[in-house]
Amino acid sequence: MTLCNETAPILVNEEAGCNIWLMTVRAPEIAAAARPGQFVHVKIPGMDDHILRRPFGVYAHDAEAGTVDMMYQVLGYGTEHMTSLGVNDAVELIGPIGRGWEVPEGCKRALIVAGGVGSAPLYPLAEELKAAGVEVTAVLGASTIDALVARERYGAALGCEPVCSTDDGSFGHAGFCTPLVEEALASAAAEGAPYDYVACCGPEPLMRIVAGMADAAGVFCEISMERRMACGVGACLSCVVDTVDGKRRACVDGPVFPASEVVW
């Protein structure tokens, strides 16, 4: 794994909606090397009392412009501090890190399922699949319409509106997105054109349920596991995931794993 360490000037840092922020930085080496599903480990300035880096999935990367986008939700002191950073600041990035999405060879039809900010690490996959001529259905779930911050970007990339759900019923299906996933899998099978691949990222209960649905439908499924981590390069063993092959490290053995290998 070849890693880049870049001091990345902040170009954009703004709230996208519902306490979810979008940060764009200039990091040309990482932008050129990143693959869908990988992440960057971020050292945040002005946090000398919190020395550990923070992992963020790559939401988008533009090799020509040399930019990397990250989506983050404000949940604590660190992410709250990030909202105070502006275009005169810079963050330090190590990346791109980890095993990304590995689409099965010959895939013709794919189902992407994202919960909340899980839409971020799946977006580059959606772009790549569409560019490869794969038929893609995207199911996005969030707490409310203002939290569906990636909806328009998915629609533009895929050329069609993603299927959405909101917990409060403010947009799309009212409730969790899992019934939409079940419906999509069943409809595809009934049409005689089942999905070849399911990719899911979001809260762990969602991924567990989607993994079970995919398994029941006989469709290969991958999930992206979020774990707290210290080093980000496989040395500290603080981000382990229980798998059928023993404990694996989310940072370098993942974050993407075949769902069938994860011990829930």
Protein backbone atom coordinates (compact mmCIF):
# COMPACT_ATOMS: atom_id res chain seq x y z
CA MET A 1 0.00 0.00 0.00
CA THR A 2 1.59 3.26 -1.18
CA LEU A 3 0.47 6.21 0.92
CA CYS A 4 0.68 9.93 0.26
CA ASN A 5 1.09 12.49 3.02
CA GLU A 6 -0.14 15.87 1.87
CA THR A 7 -0.77 19.23 3.48
CA ALA A 8 -4.10 20.04 1.89
CA PRO A 9 -5.41 23.62 1.71
CA ILE A 10 -9.14 23.87 2.38
CA LEU A 11 -11.10 25.16 -0.63
CA VAL A 12 -14.64 24.68 0.70
CA ASN A 13 -16.02 23.89 4.15
CA GLU A 14 -19.75 24.40 4.36
CA GLU A 15 -22.86 22.88 5.86
CA ALA A 16 -24.71 20.76 3.33
CA GLY A 17 -27.73 20.21 5.56
CA CYS A 18 -28.89 18.75 8.87
CA ASN A 19 -25.53 19.08 10.65
CA ILE A 20 -23.71 17.43 7.74
CA TRP A 21 -20.77 19.30 6.26
CA LEU A 22 -18.82 19.09 3.02
CA MET A 23 -15.10 19.84 2.95
CA THR A 24 -13.13 20.11 -0.29
CA VAL A 25 -9.34 20.20 -0.12
CA ARG A 26 -6.51 20.36 -2.64
CA ALA A 27 -4.57 17.10 -2.43
CA PRO A 28 -3.42 16.20 -5.96
CA GLU A 29 -1.48 13.04 -5.13
CA ILE A 30 -4.36 11.49 -3.18
CA ALA A 31 -6.89 12.69 -5.76
CA ALA A 32 -4.95 10.87 -8.47
CA ALA A 33 -4.54 7.64 -6.50
CA ALA A 34 -7.87 7.20 -4.67
CA ARG A 35 -10.18 4.34 -5.52
CA PRO A 36 -13.87 4.02 -4.58
CA GLY A 37 -14.30 2.94 -0.96
CA GLN A 38 -10.93 4.13 0.32
CA PHE A 39 -10.47 6.77 3.02
CA VAL A 40 -8.07 9.42 4.24
CA HIS A 41 -6.69 9.88 7.75
CA VAL A 42 -6.94 13.55 8.68
CA LYS A 43 -4.85 15.59 11.11
CA ILE A 44 -6.96 18.56 12.12
CA PRO A 45 -5.20 21.84 12.96
CA GLY A 46 -5.88 23.56 16.27
CA MET A 47 -6.48 20.32 18.17
CA ASP A 48 -3.16 19.83 19.95
CA ASP A 49 -4.93 18.17 22.89
CA HIS A 50 -6.42 15.57 20.52
CA ILE A 51 -3.44 14.14 18.64
CA LEU A 52 -5.12 11.23 16.85
CA ARG A 53 -6.12 11.60 13.23
CA ARG A 54 -9.70 11.13 12.07
CA PRO A 55 -10.73 8.78 9.24
CA PHE A 56 -13.07 10.09 6.54
CA GLY A 57 -14.21 8.26 3.43
CA VAL A 58 -13.42 9.87 0.10
CA TYR A 59 -16.72 11.32 -1.11
CA ALA A 60 -15.35 12.46 -4.45
CA HIS A 61 -11.98 13.06 -6.05
CA ASP A 62 -10.99 14.92 -9.18
CA ALA A 63 -7.55 13.98 -10.47
CA GLU A 64 -7.50 16.79 -13.01
CA ALA A 65 -8.37 19.47 -10.45
CA GLY A 66 -6.39 17.74 -7.69
CA THR A 67 -9.27 17.92 -5.22
CA VAL A 68 -10.73 15.57 -2.63
CA ASP A 69 -14.19 15.92 -1.07
CA MET A 70 -15.05 14.64 2.41
CA MET A 71 -18.47 14.54 4.05
CA TYR A 72 -18.70 14.67 7.83
CA GLN A 73 -21.44 14.79 10.42
CA VAL A 74 -20.99 16.98 13.49
CA LEU A 75 -21.13 14.58 16.43
CA GLY A 76 -18.52 15.73 18.95
CA TYR A 77 -15.69 18.08 19.78
CA GLY A 78 -13.51 17.12 16.81
CA THR A 79 -16.11 17.49 14.08
CA GLU A 80 -17.50 20.62 15.76
CA HIS A 81 -14.01 22.13 15.60
CA MET A 82 -13.76 21.19 11.91
CA THR A 83 -16.70 23.45 11.14
CA SER A 84 -14.61 26.45 12.25
CA LEU A 85 -11.93 25.82 9.61
CA GLY A 86 -11.90 28.00 6.53
CA VAL A 87 -10.11 28.64 3.26
CA ASN A 88 -7.09 30.10 5.08
CA ASP A 89 -6.55 26.77 6.86
CA ALA A 90 -5.15 23.41 5.79
CA VAL A 91 -5.46 19.84 7.01
CA GLU A 92 -2.87 17.10 6.73
CA LEU A 93 -3.99 13.95 4.94
CA ILE A 94 -2.55 10.46 4.76
CA GLY A 95 -4.10 8.30 2.09
CA PRO A 96 -5.65 6.81 0.17
CA ILE A 97 -5.99 3.95 2.67
CA GLY A 98 -7.70 0.59 2.65
CA ARG A 99 -9.45 -2.00 0.53
CA GLY A 100 -12.18 -0.43 -1.55
CA TRP A 101 -15.18 -1.86 -3.36
CA GLU A 102 -14.38 -4.87 -5.53
CA VAL A 103 -17.13 -5.28 -8.08
CA PRO A 104 -17.49 -8.84 -9.39
CA GLU A 105 -16.28 -9.37 -12.94
CA GLY A 106 -19.05 -9.19 -15.50
CA CYS A 107 -21.39 -7.19 -13.26
CA LYS A 108 -24.27 -5.79 -15.29
CA ARG A 109 -26.67 -4.64 -12.59
CA ALA A 110 -25.80 -3.22 -9.16
CA LEU A 111 -27.76 -2.07 -6.13
CA ILE A 112 -26.22 0.62 -3.91
CA VAL A 113 -27.67 1.10 -0.42
CA ALA A 114 -26.61 4.04 1.74
CA GLY A 115 -27.76 5.13 5.17
CA GLY A 116 -27.02 8.71 6.29
CA VAL A 117 -23.44 9.81 5.59
CA GLY A 118 -22.81 6.29 4.29
CA SER A 119 -23.78 7.82 0.95
CA ALA A 120 -20.32 9.43 0.77
CA PRO A 121 -17.99 6.41 0.29
CA LEU A 122 -20.52 4.84 -2.09
CA TYR A 123 -20.74 7.81 -4.43
CA PRO A 124 -17.41 7.20 -6.24
CA LEU A 125 -18.53 3.61 -6.77
CA ALA A 126 -21.78 4.81 -8.34
CA GLU A 127 -19.81 7.02 -10.72
CA GLU A 128 -17.41 4.22 -11.65
CA LEU A 129 -20.18 1.67 -12.23
CA LYS A 130 -22.16 4.09 -14.40
CA ALA A 131 -19.06 4.89 -16.47
CA ALA A 132 -18.52 1.14 -16.98
CA GLY A 133 -22.03 0.72 -18.38
CA VAL A 134 -23.45 -1.03 -15.33
CA GLU A 135 -27.14 -0.45 -14.56
CA VAL A 136 -27.22 1.09 -11.08
CA THR A 137 -30.07 1.52 -8.61
CA ALA A 138 -29.30 3.71 -5.60
CA VAL A 139 -31.32 3.53 -2.39
CA LEU A 140 -30.62 6.37 0.04
CA GLY A 141 -31.99 6.52 3.57
CA ALA A 142 -31.77 9.37 6.07
CA SER A 143 -33.48 10.78 9.10
CA THR A 144 -35.13 13.68 7.24
CA ILE A 145 -35.11 15.37 3.83
CA ASP A 146 -32.37 17.82 4.89
CA ALA A 147 -30.07 14.87 5.62
CA LEU A 148 -30.36 13.52 2.05
CA VAL A 149 -27.46 15.77 1.10
CA ALA A 150 -26.10 13.48 -1.64
CA ARG A 151 -29.42 12.95 -3.44
CA GLU A 152 -28.88 15.48 -6.22
CA ARG A 153 -25.30 14.38 -6.81
CA TYR A 154 -26.38 10.74 -7.18
CA GLY A 155 -29.16 11.78 -9.53
CA ALA A 156 -26.75 13.72 -11.74
CA ALA A 157 -24.20 10.90 -11.82
CA LEU A 158 -26.70 8.12 -12.53
CA GLY A 159 -29.05 10.05 -14.77
CA CYS A 160 -32.03 9.09 -12.64
CA GLU A 161 -33.40 9.95 -9.22
CA PRO A 162 -32.24 7.64 -6.40
CA VAL A 163 -34.91 5.83 -4.43
CA CYS A 164 -35.14 7.55 -1.05
CA SER A 165 -36.59 7.07 2.40
CA THR A 166 -36.74 9.30 5.45
CA ASP A 167 -37.44 8.27 9.00
CA ASP A 168 -39.87 11.17 9.46
CA GLY A 169 -41.57 10.77 6.08
CA SER A 170 -40.50 14.21 4.86
CA PHE A 171 -39.33 12.76 1.53
CA GLY A 172 -39.82 9.48 -0.27
CA HIS A 173 -40.77 6.34 1.62
CA ALA A 174 -41.70 6.97 5.24
CA GLY A 175 -39.50 4.84 7.50
CA PHE A 176 -36.34 2.83 7.07
CA CYS A 177 -34.92 2.10 3.62
CA THR A 178 -34.81 -1.68 4.10
CA PRO A 179 -38.29 -2.29 2.59
CA LEU A 180 -37.08 -0.47 -0.54
CA VAL A 181 -34.07 -2.78 -0.73
CA GLU A 182 -36.26 -5.86 -0.35
CA GLU A 183 -38.60 -4.55 -3.05
CA ALA A 184 -35.73 -3.80 -5.43
CA LEU A 185 -34.20 -7.26 -5.04
CA ALA A 186 -37.57 -8.97 -5.50
CA SER A 187 -38.54 -6.87 -8.53
CA ALA A 188 -35.22 -7.50 -10.26
CA ALA A 189 -35.55 -11.24 -9.72
CA ALA A 190 -39.15 -11.23 -10.98
CA GLU A 191 -38.02 -9.41 -14.12
CA GLY A 192 -35.50 -12.16 -14.79
CA ALA A 193 -32.62 -9.68 -14.46
CA PRO A 194 -31.45 -10.00 -10.86
CA TYR A 195 -28.75 -7.81 -9.40
CA ASP A 196 -25.18 -9.09 -9.65
CA TYR A 197 -23.88 -6.97 -6.80
CA VAL A 198 -25.04 -5.12 -3.68
CA ALA A 199 -22.87 -2.49 -1.96
CA CYS A 200 -23.97 -1.05 1.38
CA CYS A 201 -22.62 1.56 3.79
CA GLY A 202 -24.32 3.06 6.80
CA PRO A 203 -25.29 2.15 10.36
CA GLU A 204 -24.25 -1.39 11.25
CA PRO A 205 -27.84 -2.64 11.83
CA LEU A 206 -28.73 -1.49 8.31
CA MET A 207 -25.73 -3.27 6.80
CA ARG A 208 -26.51 -6.46 8.70
CA ILE A 209 -30.10 -6.48 7.43
CA VAL A 210 -29.11 -5.67 3.84
CA ALA A 211 -26.42 -8.36 3.95
CA GLY A 212 -29.07 -10.88 5.00
CA MET A 213 -31.41 -9.78 2.22
CA ALA A 214 -28.68 -10.07 -0.38
CA ASP A 215 -27.69 -13.50 0.89
CA ALA A 216 -31.31 -14.69 0.73
CA ALA A 217 -31.50 -13.40 -2.85
CA GLY A 218 -28.21 -15.08 -3.78
CA VAL A 219 -26.49 -11.77 -4.62
CA PHE A 220 -22.88 -11.00 -3.73
CA CYS A 221 -22.77 -8.17 -1.21
CA GLU A 222 -20.02 -5.94 0.19
CA ILE A 223 -20.26 -3.61 3.19
CA SER A 224 -18.02 -0.83 4.50
CA MET A 225 -17.26 -1.12 8.21
CA GLU A 226 -16.71 2.03 10.25
CA ARG A 227 -14.42 1.68 13.25
CA ARG A 228 -12.57 4.05 15.55
CA MET A 229 -8.89 3.85 14.72
CA ALA A 230 -5.64 5.34 15.94
CA CYS A 231 -2.85 4.71 13.41
CA GLY A 232 -4.88 4.00 10.26
CA VAL A 233 -2.11 1.88 8.76
CA GLY A 234 -2.65 -1.50 10.41
CA ALA A 235 -0.21 -1.31 13.32
CA CYS A 236 -2.29 -0.51 16.40
CA LEU A 237 -5.07 -3.13 16.03
CA SER A 238 -7.67 -0.73 17.43
CA CYS A 239 -10.11 -1.12 14.52
CA VAL A 240 -10.61 -4.87 14.37
CA VAL A 241 -13.63 -6.49 12.73
CA ASP A 242 -14.70 -10.02 13.61
CA THR A 243 -14.79 -12.19 10.50
CA VAL A 244 -15.05 -15.88 9.70
CA ASP A 245 -11.27 -15.81 9.25
CA GLY A 246 -10.64 -14.18 12.62
CA LYS A 247 -10.06 -10.57 13.54
CA ARG A 248 -9.29 -8.29 10.59
CA ARG A 249 -8.25 -4.64 10.56
CA ALA A 250 -10.80 -2.21 9.15
CA CYS A 251 -8.09 0.21 8.07
CA VAL A 252 -6.05 -2.01 5.75
CA ASP A 253 -7.98 -5.30 5.43
CA GLY A 254 -11.10 -3.17 4.92
CA PRO A 255 -12.94 -0.92 5.32
CA VAL A 256 -14.84 -2.82 2.63
CA PHE A 257 -15.47 -6.51 3.36
CA PRO A 258 -17.54 -9.17 1.65
CA ALA A 259 -20.67 -9.26 3.81
CA SER A 260 -20.53 -13.06 4.03
CA GLU A 261 -17.19 -12.82 5.87
CA VAL A 262 -18.38 -10.53 8.68
CA VAL A 263 -19.44 -12.05 12.00
CA TRP A 264 -22.28 -9.79 13.08
